[in-house]
Amino acid sequence: MKRSILYIPLVALCFTMSCKSDKKETVTDTETETTTVETETEEKTRTTTSRKDEPAYYADKKKLTMNLESKSNSGVTGSIVFTQDQGVVTMIAVMSGLTEGEHAIHIHEKADCSADDGSSSGGHWNPTAQPHGKWGAEGGYHKGDIGNFTADANGHATITKITDEWCIGCGDETKDIVGKAIIVHQGIDDFKSQPSGAAGSRVSCGGIIQ
């Protein structure tokens, strides 16, 4: 009988300790779930804030197609497609009639290709008043300094450029390419000579017009 009396308190004690352990585990699980929810909320808040900071045109998807016409009796023609998505512009230019080798391509100030030599398009587009140079150079570069490309033995060439430093019709004078011209040169851009890289005659021209 004495043994039975001793067993009862022991069982009660074990049951109490087990309950306490379960409660502790429940609290730990709750705390973990709460932290996860808070983290997700913070990430959503940061994303929303980031979107508010973006210019309005980032939400616009745009596409602009233009043609290149021959200049300086070169026979060089082509077509260019500009697309804009989430503030990033992609340019794909396809050309033919070129001499084999490297050629320069730039954005110029005016969408005017009326002159036979393409001179009516003005100088390089340089809205930030930087020296001429290779795109991305620490010493500076024009927003129109696209660079060089290579034509094959058949005179065909393709060049692709992707950048967030341009926009299509956004109204920002330092980024908006609409109203400018694409000029293809006979020679190469040396990225040093001012103000245009000594790229030679203008063999093709096209206005960037919406």
N, C-alpha and C. Protein backbone atom coordinates (compact mmCIF):
# COMPACT_ATOMS: atom_id res chain seq x y z
N MET A 1 0.83 -1.20 0.00
CA MET A 1 0.00 0.00 0.00
C MET A 1 0.86 1.25 0.00
N LYS A 2 1.95 1.23 0.80
CA LYS A 2 2.87 2.37 0.84
C LYS A 2 3.48 2.61 -0.52
N ARG A 3 3.80 1.49 -1.23
CA ARG A 3 4.39 1.64 -2.57
C ARG A 3 3.41 2.33 -3.51
N SER A 4 2.14 2.00 -3.45
CA SER A 4 1.13 2.62 -4.33
C SER A 4 1.04 4.10 -4.06
N ILE A 5 1.11 4.48 -2.79
CA ILE A 5 1.04 5.90 -2.43
C ILE A 5 2.23 6.67 -3.01
N LEU A 6 3.41 6.05 -3.02
CA LEU A 6 4.62 6.70 -3.57
C LEU A 6 4.52 6.85 -5.08
N TYR A 7 3.94 5.88 -5.79
CA TYR A 7 3.87 5.93 -7.25
C TYR A 7 3.00 7.08 -7.74
N ILE A 8 1.93 7.38 -7.02
CA ILE A 8 1.00 8.42 -7.46
C ILE A 8 1.68 9.79 -7.58
N PRO A 9 2.43 10.26 -6.55
CA PRO A 9 3.12 11.55 -6.69
C PRO A 9 4.15 11.55 -7.81
N LEU A 10 4.83 10.42 -8.01
CA LEU A 10 5.85 10.35 -9.08
C LEU A 10 5.21 10.51 -10.45
N VAL A 11 4.10 9.85 -10.67
CA VAL A 11 3.40 9.96 -11.96
C VAL A 11 2.93 11.38 -12.18
N ALA A 12 2.41 12.00 -11.12
CA ALA A 12 1.93 13.38 -11.23
C ALA A 12 3.06 14.32 -11.57
N LEU A 13 4.23 14.11 -10.97
CA LEU A 13 5.40 14.95 -11.22
C LEU A 13 5.85 14.83 -12.67
N CYS A 14 5.91 13.62 -13.18
CA CYS A 14 6.33 13.39 -14.58
C CYS A 14 5.36 14.06 -15.54
N PHE A 15 4.08 13.96 -15.27
CA PHE A 15 3.08 14.56 -16.15
C PHE A 15 3.21 16.07 -16.21
N THR A 16 3.47 16.67 -15.00
CA THR A 16 3.66 18.13 -14.93
C THR A 16 4.86 18.57 -15.73
N MET A 17 5.99 17.87 -15.62
CA MET A 17 7.22 18.22 -16.35
C MET A 17 7.02 18.09 -17.85
N SER A 18 6.28 17.07 -18.27
CA SER A 18 6.01 16.86 -19.69
C SER A 18 5.19 18.00 -20.26
N CYS A 19 4.21 18.48 -19.52
CA CYS A 19 3.38 19.61 -19.96
C CYS A 19 4.20 20.87 -20.14
N LYS A 20 5.10 21.12 -19.16
CA LYS A 20 5.96 22.30 -19.24
C LYS A 20 6.85 22.25 -20.48
N SER A 21 7.37 21.06 -20.77
CA SER A 21 8.24 20.89 -21.94
C SER A 21 7.48 21.19 -23.22
N ASP A 22 6.21 20.71 -23.30
CA ASP A 22 5.39 20.94 -24.48
C ASP A 22 5.13 22.42 -24.67
N LYS A 23 4.89 23.12 -23.54
CA LYS A 23 4.62 24.55 -23.62
C LYS A 23 5.83 25.30 -24.15
N LYS A 24 7.02 24.91 -23.69
CA LYS A 24 8.24 25.57 -24.16
C LYS A 24 8.43 25.37 -25.65
N GLU A 25 8.18 24.17 -26.13
CA GLU A 25 8.33 23.89 -27.56
C GLU A 25 7.33 24.70 -28.38
N THR A 26 6.12 24.85 -27.86
CA THR A 26 5.09 25.62 -28.56
C THR A 26 5.49 27.07 -28.69
N VAL A 27 6.04 27.65 -27.67
CA VAL A 27 6.50 29.04 -27.69
C VAL A 27 7.60 29.23 -28.71
N THR A 28 8.55 28.28 -28.74
CA THR A 28 9.67 28.37 -29.68
C THR A 28 9.17 28.36 -31.11
N ASP A 29 8.21 27.46 -31.42
CA ASP A 29 7.66 27.39 -32.77
C ASP A 29 6.96 28.68 -33.14
N THR A 30 6.22 29.27 -32.21
CA THR A 30 5.49 30.51 -32.47
C THR A 30 6.45 31.64 -32.79
N GLU A 31 7.54 31.72 -32.02
CA GLU A 31 8.52 32.78 -32.24
C GLU A 31 9.14 32.67 -33.62
N THR A 32 9.45 31.45 -34.08
CA THR A 32 10.04 31.23 -35.39
C THR A 32 9.12 31.69 -36.50
N GLU A 33 7.83 31.33 -36.40
CA GLU A 33 6.86 31.72 -37.42
C GLU A 33 6.71 33.23 -37.48
N THR A 34 6.68 33.89 -36.33
CA THR A 34 6.54 35.34 -36.29
C THR A 34 7.71 36.03 -36.98
N THR A 35 8.93 35.56 -36.76
CA THR A 35 10.12 36.14 -37.38
C THR A 35 10.04 36.04 -38.89
N THR A 36 9.58 34.90 -39.38
CA THR A 36 9.46 34.70 -40.83
C THR A 36 8.49 35.69 -41.43
N VAL A 37 7.35 35.88 -40.80
CA VAL A 37 6.34 36.81 -41.29
C VAL A 37 6.89 38.22 -41.32
N GLU A 38 7.59 38.61 -40.25
CA GLU A 38 8.15 39.96 -40.18
C GLU A 38 9.17 40.17 -41.29
N THR A 39 9.99 39.16 -41.58
CA THR A 39 11.00 39.27 -42.63
C THR A 39 10.35 39.45 -43.98
N GLU A 40 9.28 38.66 -44.24
CA GLU A 40 8.58 38.79 -45.51
C GLU A 40 7.96 40.17 -45.66
N THR A 41 7.42 40.70 -44.57
CA THR A 41 6.82 42.03 -44.59
C THR A 41 7.85 43.10 -44.89
N GLU A 42 9.03 42.97 -44.27
CA GLU A 42 10.11 43.93 -44.51
C GLU A 42 10.55 43.90 -45.97
N GLU A 43 10.65 42.68 -46.55
CA GLU A 43 11.07 42.56 -47.95
C GLU A 43 10.04 43.21 -48.87
N LYS A 44 8.75 42.99 -48.58
CA LYS A 44 7.70 43.61 -49.39
C LYS A 44 7.75 45.13 -49.29
N THR A 45 8.02 45.64 -48.09
CA THR A 45 8.11 47.09 -47.88
C THR A 45 9.27 47.67 -48.67
N ARG A 46 10.44 46.96 -48.63
CA ARG A 46 11.61 47.45 -49.38
C ARG A 46 11.34 47.45 -50.87
N THR A 47 10.65 46.41 -51.38
CA THR A 47 10.33 46.33 -52.80
C THR A 47 9.40 47.46 -53.22
N THR A 48 8.37 47.73 -52.39
CA THR A 48 7.43 48.80 -52.68
C THR A 48 8.12 50.15 -52.70
N THR A 49 9.01 50.37 -51.73
CA THR A 49 9.76 51.63 -51.66
C THR A 49 10.63 51.80 -52.88
N SER A 50 11.30 50.70 -53.31
CA SER A 50 12.17 50.75 -54.48
C SER A 50 11.40 51.12 -55.73
N ARG A 51 10.19 50.55 -55.89
CA ARG A 51 9.36 50.86 -57.05
C ARG A 51 8.92 52.31 -57.04
N LYS A 52 8.65 52.86 -55.86
CA LYS A 52 8.24 54.26 -55.77
C LYS A 52 9.37 55.19 -56.20
N ASP A 53 10.62 54.76 -55.97
CA ASP A 53 11.77 55.58 -56.33
C ASP A 53 12.07 55.55 -57.82
N GLU A 54 11.54 54.55 -58.55
CA GLU A 54 11.81 54.43 -59.98
C GLU A 54 11.05 55.50 -60.76
N PRO A 55 11.67 56.02 -61.85
CA PRO A 55 10.95 56.97 -62.72
C PRO A 55 9.70 56.31 -63.30
N ALA A 56 8.72 57.12 -63.65
CA ALA A 56 7.44 56.59 -64.14
C ALA A 56 7.61 55.77 -65.41
N TYR A 57 8.58 56.14 -66.27
CA TYR A 57 8.72 55.45 -67.55
C TYR A 57 9.23 54.01 -67.39
N TYR A 58 9.70 53.63 -66.20
CA TYR A 58 10.15 52.26 -65.98
C TYR A 58 9.02 51.26 -66.19
N ALA A 59 7.80 51.71 -66.02
CA ALA A 59 6.65 50.83 -66.18
C ALA A 59 6.23 50.68 -67.64
N ASP A 60 6.83 51.49 -68.52
CA ASP A 60 6.45 51.48 -69.93
C ASP A 60 7.27 50.49 -70.75
N LYS A 61 6.58 49.68 -71.52
CA LYS A 61 7.25 48.82 -72.50
C LYS A 61 7.08 49.47 -73.86
N LYS A 62 8.18 49.72 -74.53
CA LYS A 62 8.12 50.42 -75.81
C LYS A 62 8.98 49.73 -76.86
N LYS A 63 8.60 49.97 -78.12
CA LYS A 63 9.38 49.43 -79.25
C LYS A 63 9.41 50.48 -80.35
N LEU A 64 10.58 50.69 -80.92
CA LEU A 64 10.75 51.67 -81.98
C LEU A 64 11.63 51.06 -83.07
N THR A 65 11.15 51.11 -84.31
CA THR A 65 11.90 50.57 -85.45
C THR A 65 12.27 51.70 -86.40
N MET A 66 13.49 51.67 -86.90
CA MET A 66 13.96 52.71 -87.82
C MET A 66 14.84 52.10 -88.90
N ASN A 67 15.00 52.85 -90.00
CA ASN A 67 15.83 52.41 -91.10
C ASN A 67 17.07 53.29 -91.24
N LEU A 68 18.13 52.69 -91.76
CA LEU A 68 19.36 53.43 -92.07
C LEU A 68 19.45 53.60 -93.58
N GLU A 69 19.73 54.80 -94.01
CA GLU A 69 19.87 55.07 -95.44
C GLU A 69 21.32 55.38 -95.80
N SER A 70 21.67 55.07 -97.02
CA SER A 70 23.05 55.24 -97.49
C SER A 70 23.44 56.73 -97.56
N LYS A 71 24.66 57.00 -97.17
CA LYS A 71 25.22 58.36 -97.25
C LYS A 71 26.63 58.30 -97.84
N SER A 72 27.06 59.41 -98.40
CA SER A 72 28.40 59.53 -98.99
C SER A 72 28.63 58.48 -100.09
N ASN A 73 27.55 58.15 -100.84
CA ASN A 73 27.61 57.18 -101.94
C ASN A 73 28.18 55.83 -101.51
N SER A 74 27.84 55.40 -100.31
CA SER A 74 28.44 54.18 -99.75
C SER A 74 27.67 52.90 -100.06
N GLY A 75 26.36 53.01 -100.20
CA GLY A 75 25.53 51.83 -100.39
C GLY A 75 25.22 51.10 -99.09
N VAL A 76 25.56 51.72 -97.96
CA VAL A 76 25.32 51.08 -96.66
C VAL A 76 23.89 51.38 -96.18
N THR A 77 23.14 50.32 -95.93
CA THR A 77 21.77 50.46 -95.43
C THR A 77 21.58 49.50 -94.25
N GLY A 78 20.43 49.62 -93.61
CA GLY A 78 20.18 48.71 -92.49
C GLY A 78 18.89 49.05 -91.76
N SER A 79 18.65 48.34 -90.69
CA SER A 79 17.48 48.60 -89.85
C SER A 79 17.87 48.41 -88.39
N ILE A 80 17.19 49.15 -87.53
CA ILE A 80 17.48 49.09 -86.09
C ILE A 80 16.18 48.98 -85.32
N VAL A 81 16.17 48.12 -84.31
CA VAL A 81 15.02 48.00 -83.42
C VAL A 81 15.46 48.37 -82.00
N PHE A 82 14.75 49.30 -81.40
CA PHE A 82 14.96 49.67 -80.00
C PHE A 82 13.77 49.15 -79.20
N THR A 83 14.03 48.50 -78.08
CA THR A 83 12.95 48.11 -77.17
C THR A 83 13.29 48.61 -75.77
N GLN A 84 12.27 48.92 -75.01
CA GLN A 84 12.45 49.39 -73.63
C GLN A 84 11.58 48.58 -72.69
N ASP A 85 12.19 48.09 -71.61
CA ASP A 85 11.46 47.31 -70.61
C ASP A 85 12.11 47.52 -69.25
N GLN A 86 11.32 47.92 -68.27
CA GLN A 86 11.81 48.16 -66.91
C GLN A 86 13.00 49.12 -66.87
N GLY A 87 12.94 50.15 -67.72
CA GLY A 87 13.98 51.17 -67.71
C GLY A 87 15.25 50.79 -68.46
N VAL A 88 15.25 49.64 -69.12
CA VAL A 88 16.44 49.19 -69.87
C VAL A 88 16.12 49.19 -71.36
N VAL A 89 17.00 49.81 -72.15
CA VAL A 89 16.82 49.87 -73.60
C VAL A 89 17.78 48.90 -74.28
N THR A 90 17.24 48.13 -75.22
CA THR A 90 18.04 47.21 -76.03
C THR A 90 18.01 47.68 -77.48
N MET A 91 19.18 47.83 -78.08
CA MET A 91 19.29 48.21 -79.49
C MET A 91 19.88 47.04 -80.28
N ILE A 92 19.21 46.66 -81.36
CA ILE A 92 19.74 45.64 -82.26
C ILE A 92 19.78 46.24 -83.66
N ALA A 93 20.99 46.41 -84.20
CA ALA A 93 21.17 46.99 -85.53
C ALA A 93 21.69 45.93 -86.49
N VAL A 94 21.08 45.87 -87.66
CA VAL A 94 21.50 44.94 -88.72
C VAL A 94 21.81 45.77 -89.96
N MET A 95 23.03 45.61 -90.50
CA MET A 95 23.47 46.44 -91.62
C MET A 95 24.06 45.62 -92.76
N SER A 96 24.06 46.21 -93.95
CA SER A 96 24.65 45.57 -95.12
C SER A 96 25.28 46.64 -96.02
N GLY A 97 26.12 46.18 -96.97
CA GLY A 97 26.77 47.12 -97.89
C GLY A 97 28.05 47.73 -97.36
N LEU A 98 28.52 47.22 -96.22
CA LEU A 98 29.74 47.75 -95.59
C LEU A 98 31.00 47.13 -96.21
N THR A 99 32.11 47.82 -96.06
CA THR A 99 33.40 47.21 -96.40
C THR A 99 33.79 46.30 -95.24
N GLU A 100 34.48 45.24 -95.54
CA GLU A 100 34.87 44.29 -94.50
C GLU A 100 35.76 44.95 -93.45
N GLY A 101 35.51 44.62 -92.19
CA GLY A 101 36.33 45.15 -91.10
C GLY A 101 35.53 45.96 -90.10
N GLU A 102 36.23 46.74 -89.29
CA GLU A 102 35.58 47.50 -88.20
C GLU A 102 35.05 48.85 -88.65
N HIS A 103 33.95 49.23 -88.04
CA HIS A 103 33.31 50.53 -88.30
C HIS A 103 32.77 51.07 -86.98
N ALA A 104 32.65 52.38 -86.91
CA ALA A 104 32.09 53.02 -85.71
C ALA A 104 30.61 53.31 -85.91
N ILE A 105 29.88 53.32 -84.81
CA ILE A 105 28.47 53.69 -84.83
C ILE A 105 28.18 54.57 -83.62
N HIS A 106 27.49 55.68 -83.85
CA HIS A 106 27.22 56.65 -82.79
C HIS A 106 25.79 57.17 -82.88
N ILE A 107 25.33 57.76 -81.79
CA ILE A 107 24.10 58.55 -81.80
C ILE A 107 24.50 60.01 -81.97
N HIS A 108 23.87 60.68 -82.93
CA HIS A 108 24.15 62.09 -83.17
C HIS A 108 22.97 62.97 -82.75
N GLU A 109 23.22 64.25 -82.72
CA GLU A 109 22.31 65.21 -82.08
C GLU A 109 20.92 65.33 -82.67
N LYS A 110 20.80 65.26 -84.01
CA LYS A 110 19.51 65.58 -84.66
C LYS A 110 19.06 64.48 -85.61
N ALA A 111 17.77 64.23 -85.62
CA ALA A 111 17.19 63.23 -86.53
C ALA A 111 17.00 63.83 -87.91
N ASP A 112 18.08 64.32 -88.47
CA ASP A 112 18.05 64.97 -89.78
C ASP A 112 19.12 64.34 -90.67
N CYS A 113 18.68 63.55 -91.62
CA CYS A 113 19.61 62.86 -92.52
C CYS A 113 19.52 63.42 -93.94
N SER A 114 19.09 64.65 -94.06
CA SER A 114 18.85 65.24 -95.39
C SER A 114 20.13 65.48 -96.19
N ALA A 115 21.25 65.76 -95.54
CA ALA A 115 22.50 66.02 -96.27
C ALA A 115 23.07 64.74 -96.85
N ASP A 116 23.65 64.85 -98.04
CA ASP A 116 24.21 63.67 -98.72
C ASP A 116 25.32 63.00 -97.91
N ASP A 117 26.02 63.79 -97.12
CA ASP A 117 27.12 63.23 -96.32
C ASP A 117 26.73 62.99 -94.85
N GLY A 118 25.46 63.19 -94.53
CA GLY A 118 24.97 62.94 -93.18
C GLY A 118 25.32 64.03 -92.17
N SER A 119 25.94 65.11 -92.64
CA SER A 119 26.39 66.16 -91.72
C SER A 119 25.23 66.90 -91.06
N SER A 120 24.03 66.83 -91.64
CA SER A 120 22.87 67.53 -91.09
C SER A 120 22.42 66.95 -89.74
N SER A 121 22.96 65.78 -89.38
CA SER A 121 22.60 65.17 -88.09
C SER A 121 23.38 65.78 -86.92
N GLY A 122 24.32 66.67 -87.23
CA GLY A 122 25.08 67.33 -86.17
C GLY A 122 26.18 66.46 -85.60
N GLY A 123 26.70 66.87 -84.45
CA GLY A 123 27.78 66.13 -83.80
C GLY A 123 27.24 65.02 -82.91
N HIS A 124 28.13 64.42 -82.13
CA HIS A 124 27.71 63.35 -81.22
C HIS A 124 26.71 63.87 -80.19
N TRP A 125 25.74 63.03 -79.87
CA TRP A 125 24.80 63.37 -78.79
C TRP A 125 25.56 63.28 -77.47
N ASN A 126 25.63 64.41 -76.79
CA ASN A 126 26.44 64.50 -75.56
C ASN A 126 25.74 65.38 -74.53
N PRO A 127 24.59 64.96 -74.03
CA PRO A 127 23.79 65.80 -73.14
C PRO A 127 24.42 66.08 -71.78
N THR A 128 25.42 65.29 -71.39
CA THR A 128 26.05 65.49 -70.09
C THR A 128 27.40 66.20 -70.19
N ALA A 129 27.71 66.71 -71.40
CA ALA A 129 28.93 67.50 -71.63
C ALA A 129 30.21 66.78 -71.17
N GLN A 130 30.35 65.53 -71.57
CA GLN A 130 31.53 64.74 -71.24
C GLN A 130 32.49 64.69 -72.44
N PRO A 131 33.75 64.37 -72.20
CA PRO A 131 34.67 64.19 -73.33
C PRO A 131 34.32 62.91 -74.09
N HIS A 132 34.71 62.83 -75.35
CA HIS A 132 34.48 61.61 -76.11
C HIS A 132 35.36 60.49 -75.55
N GLY A 133 34.83 59.27 -75.55
CA GLY A 133 35.61 58.15 -75.04
C GLY A 133 34.88 56.84 -75.22
N LYS A 134 35.48 55.77 -74.76
CA LYS A 134 34.86 54.45 -74.84
C LYS A 134 33.76 54.36 -73.80
N TRP A 135 32.66 53.73 -74.17
CA TRP A 135 31.50 53.62 -73.27
C TRP A 135 31.94 53.03 -71.92
N GLY A 136 31.59 53.74 -70.85
CA GLY A 136 31.92 53.28 -69.51
C GLY A 136 33.26 53.74 -68.98
N ALA A 137 34.03 54.46 -69.80
CA ALA A 137 35.37 54.91 -69.38
C ALA A 137 35.29 55.88 -68.21
N GLU A 138 36.20 55.74 -67.26
CA GLU A 138 36.21 56.60 -66.07
C GLU A 138 36.44 58.06 -66.45
N GLY A 139 37.18 58.28 -67.54
CA GLY A 139 37.46 59.66 -67.96
C GLY A 139 36.29 60.35 -68.62
N GLY A 140 35.22 59.63 -68.86
CA GLY A 140 34.01 60.19 -69.46
C GLY A 140 33.73 59.65 -70.85
N TYR A 141 32.50 59.80 -71.29
CA TYR A 141 32.08 59.35 -72.61
C TYR A 141 30.74 60.00 -72.94
N HIS A 142 30.44 60.08 -74.23
CA HIS A 142 29.16 60.63 -74.67
C HIS A 142 28.07 59.57 -74.51
N LYS A 143 26.84 60.02 -74.30
CA LYS A 143 25.72 59.08 -74.29
C LYS A 143 25.50 58.48 -75.68
N GLY A 144 26.12 59.11 -76.69
CA GLY A 144 26.02 58.60 -78.05
C GLY A 144 27.20 57.76 -78.49
N ASP A 145 28.16 57.52 -77.61
CA ASP A 145 29.36 56.75 -77.96
C ASP A 145 29.10 55.25 -77.90
N ILE A 146 28.42 54.72 -78.90
CA ILE A 146 28.07 53.29 -78.89
C ILE A 146 29.32 52.43 -79.05
N GLY A 147 30.19 52.79 -80.01
CA GLY A 147 31.44 52.03 -80.17
C GLY A 147 31.67 51.50 -81.57
N ASN A 148 32.41 50.40 -81.68
CA ASN A 148 32.76 49.79 -82.96
C ASN A 148 32.09 48.43 -83.14
N PHE A 149 31.96 48.01 -84.37
CA PHE A 149 31.45 46.69 -84.71
C PHE A 149 32.22 46.20 -85.93
N THR A 150 32.08 44.91 -86.24
CA THR A 150 32.83 44.32 -87.35
C THR A 150 31.90 43.78 -88.43
N ALA A 151 32.18 44.17 -89.68
CA ALA A 151 31.43 43.66 -90.83
C ALA A 151 32.17 42.47 -91.42
N ASP A 152 31.42 41.48 -91.88
CA ASP A 152 32.05 40.29 -92.45
C ASP A 152 32.45 40.52 -93.91
N ALA A 153 32.95 39.48 -94.58
CA ALA A 153 33.43 39.59 -95.96
C ALA A 153 32.33 39.95 -96.94
N ASN A 154 31.06 39.69 -96.54
CA ASN A 154 29.92 40.03 -97.39
C ASN A 154 29.35 41.41 -97.09
N GLY A 155 29.99 42.12 -96.18
CA GLY A 155 29.54 43.47 -95.84
C GLY A 155 28.38 43.51 -94.87
N HIS A 156 28.10 42.38 -94.22
CA HIS A 156 26.99 42.32 -93.26
C HIS A 156 27.50 42.47 -91.83
N ALA A 157 26.71 43.09 -90.99
CA ALA A 157 27.10 43.26 -89.58
C ALA A 157 25.87 43.41 -88.70
N THR A 158 26.03 42.97 -87.47
CA THR A 158 24.97 43.13 -86.45
C THR A 158 25.63 43.60 -85.16
N ILE A 159 24.99 44.54 -84.50
CA ILE A 159 25.49 45.00 -83.20
C ILE A 159 24.31 45.13 -82.24
N THR A 160 24.53 44.70 -81.02
CA THR A 160 23.51 44.79 -79.96
C THR A 160 24.06 45.59 -78.80
N LYS A 161 23.25 46.51 -78.29
CA LYS A 161 23.66 47.26 -77.09
C LYS A 161 22.50 47.29 -76.12
N ILE A 162 22.81 47.07 -74.84
CA ILE A 162 21.80 47.09 -73.78
C ILE A 162 22.25 48.06 -72.70
N THR A 163 21.40 49.02 -72.37
CA THR A 163 21.80 50.03 -71.38
C THR A 163 20.59 50.64 -70.68
N ASP A 164 20.81 51.11 -69.45
CA ASP A 164 19.78 51.86 -68.73
C ASP A 164 20.08 53.36 -68.77
N GLU A 165 21.04 53.75 -69.62
CA GLU A 165 21.39 55.17 -69.76
C GLU A 165 20.64 55.84 -70.90
N TRP A 166 19.77 55.09 -71.56
CA TRP A 166 18.90 55.63 -72.59
C TRP A 166 17.45 55.40 -72.19
N CYS A 167 16.55 56.10 -72.85
CA CYS A 167 15.12 55.82 -72.73
C CYS A 167 14.47 56.20 -74.04
N ILE A 168 13.26 55.70 -74.26
CA ILE A 168 12.52 55.98 -75.49
C ILE A 168 11.35 56.89 -75.16
N GLY A 169 11.50 58.18 -75.47
CA GLY A 169 10.41 59.13 -75.27
C GLY A 169 10.04 59.42 -73.84
N CYS A 170 11.01 59.31 -72.91
CA CYS A 170 10.70 59.55 -71.50
C CYS A 170 10.74 61.03 -71.12
N GLY A 171 11.33 61.85 -71.99
CA GLY A 171 11.38 63.28 -71.71
C GLY A 171 12.59 63.75 -70.92
N ASP A 172 13.41 62.82 -70.45
CA ASP A 172 14.64 63.16 -69.74
C ASP A 172 15.71 63.51 -70.78
N GLU A 173 16.12 64.76 -70.82
CA GLU A 173 17.05 65.23 -71.86
C GLU A 173 18.41 64.52 -71.81
N THR A 174 18.76 63.97 -70.66
CA THR A 174 20.06 63.28 -70.55
C THR A 174 19.97 61.81 -70.97
N LYS A 175 18.73 61.32 -71.27
CA LYS A 175 18.57 59.90 -71.58
C LYS A 175 17.73 59.62 -72.83
N ASP A 176 16.89 60.56 -73.21
CA ASP A 176 15.91 60.32 -74.27
C ASP A 176 16.56 60.33 -75.67
N ILE A 177 16.49 59.19 -76.36
CA ILE A 177 17.13 59.07 -77.67
C ILE A 177 16.22 59.52 -78.82
N VAL A 178 14.94 59.73 -78.54
CA VAL A 178 14.01 60.15 -79.59
C VAL A 178 14.38 61.56 -80.08
N GLY A 179 14.39 61.71 -81.41
CA GLY A 179 14.77 62.99 -81.99
C GLY A 179 16.25 63.07 -82.34
N LYS A 180 16.96 61.96 -82.08
CA LYS A 180 18.39 61.90 -82.41
C LYS A 180 18.57 61.06 -83.68
N ALA A 181 19.82 60.85 -84.09
CA ALA A 181 20.10 60.05 -85.30
C ALA A 181 21.17 59.01 -85.01
N ILE A 182 21.10 57.91 -85.73
CA ILE A 182 22.16 56.91 -85.71
C ILE A 182 23.04 57.15 -86.94
N ILE A 183 24.34 57.24 -86.70
CA ILE A 183 25.30 57.41 -87.80
C ILE A 183 26.29 56.26 -87.79
N VAL A 184 26.49 55.66 -88.97
CA VAL A 184 27.51 54.62 -89.15
C VAL A 184 28.67 55.27 -89.90
N HIS A 185 29.88 55.01 -89.44
CA HIS A 185 31.07 55.63 -90.04
C HIS A 185 31.87 54.62 -90.87
N GLN A 186 32.63 55.15 -91.80
CA GLN A 186 33.49 54.31 -92.62
C GLN A 186 34.65 53.73 -91.81
N GLY A 187 35.20 54.53 -90.90
CA GLY A 187 36.36 54.10 -90.11
C GLY A 187 35.99 53.65 -88.71
N ILE A 188 37.03 53.47 -87.90
CA ILE A 188 36.82 53.02 -86.51
C ILE A 188 36.97 54.19 -85.54
N ASP A 189 36.35 54.04 -84.41
CA ASP A 189 36.46 55.03 -83.32
C ASP A 189 37.70 54.67 -82.51
N ASP A 190 38.63 55.64 -82.40
CA ASP A 190 39.85 55.37 -81.61
C ASP A 190 39.66 55.65 -80.13
N PHE A 191 38.49 56.16 -79.76
CA PHE A 191 38.11 56.44 -78.36
C PHE A 191 38.99 57.50 -77.70
N LYS A 192 39.80 58.20 -78.47
CA LYS A 192 40.71 59.21 -77.92
C LYS A 192 40.53 60.57 -78.56
N SER A 193 40.52 60.60 -79.90
CA SER A 193 40.45 61.87 -80.61
C SER A 193 39.16 62.61 -80.28
N GLN A 194 39.28 63.91 -80.06
CA GLN A 194 38.12 64.74 -79.72
C GLN A 194 37.71 65.57 -80.95
N PRO A 195 36.41 65.73 -81.17
CA PRO A 195 35.33 65.32 -80.27
C PRO A 195 34.61 64.03 -80.68
N SER A 196 35.14 63.33 -81.71
CA SER A 196 34.33 62.22 -82.24
C SER A 196 35.10 60.94 -82.55
N GLY A 197 36.35 60.82 -82.14
CA GLY A 197 37.06 59.55 -82.31
C GLY A 197 37.67 59.32 -83.66
N ALA A 198 37.71 60.37 -84.53
CA ALA A 198 38.34 60.27 -85.85
C ALA A 198 37.83 59.06 -86.63
N ALA A 199 36.52 58.89 -86.66
CA ALA A 199 35.91 57.69 -87.26
C ALA A 199 35.67 57.78 -88.76
N GLY A 200 36.02 58.90 -89.37
CA GLY A 200 35.89 59.01 -90.83
C GLY A 200 34.52 59.44 -91.30
N SER A 201 34.29 59.26 -92.59
CA SER A 201 33.06 59.75 -93.22
C SER A 201 31.82 59.01 -92.69
N ARG A 202 30.67 59.65 -92.89
CA ARG A 202 29.40 59.09 -92.45
C ARG A 202 28.78 58.32 -93.63
N VAL A 203 28.70 57.00 -93.48
CA VAL A 203 28.25 56.18 -94.61
C VAL A 203 26.78 55.74 -94.51
N SER A 204 26.16 55.97 -93.37
CA SER A 204 24.74 55.64 -93.22
C SER A 204 24.13 56.48 -92.11
N CYS A 205 22.84 56.81 -92.28
CA CYS A 205 22.17 57.69 -91.32
C CYS A 205 20.70 57.30 -91.18
N GLY A 206 20.17 57.41 -89.97
CA GLY A 206 18.76 57.16 -89.74
C GLY A 206 18.25 57.94 -88.55
N GLY A 207 17.08 58.53 -88.67
CA GLY A 207 16.50 59.30 -87.57
C GLY A 207 15.75 58.40 -86.60
N ILE A 208 15.92 58.67 -85.31
CA ILE A 208 15.18 57.93 -84.26
C ILE A 208 13.91 58.71 -83.99
N ILE A 209 12.85 58.31 -84.69
CA ILE A 209 11.59 59.06 -84.64
C ILE A 209 10.45 58.12 -84.27
N GLN A 210 9.61 58.54 -83.31
CA GLN A 210 8.47 57.72 -82.90
C GLN A 210 7.31 57.87 -83.90
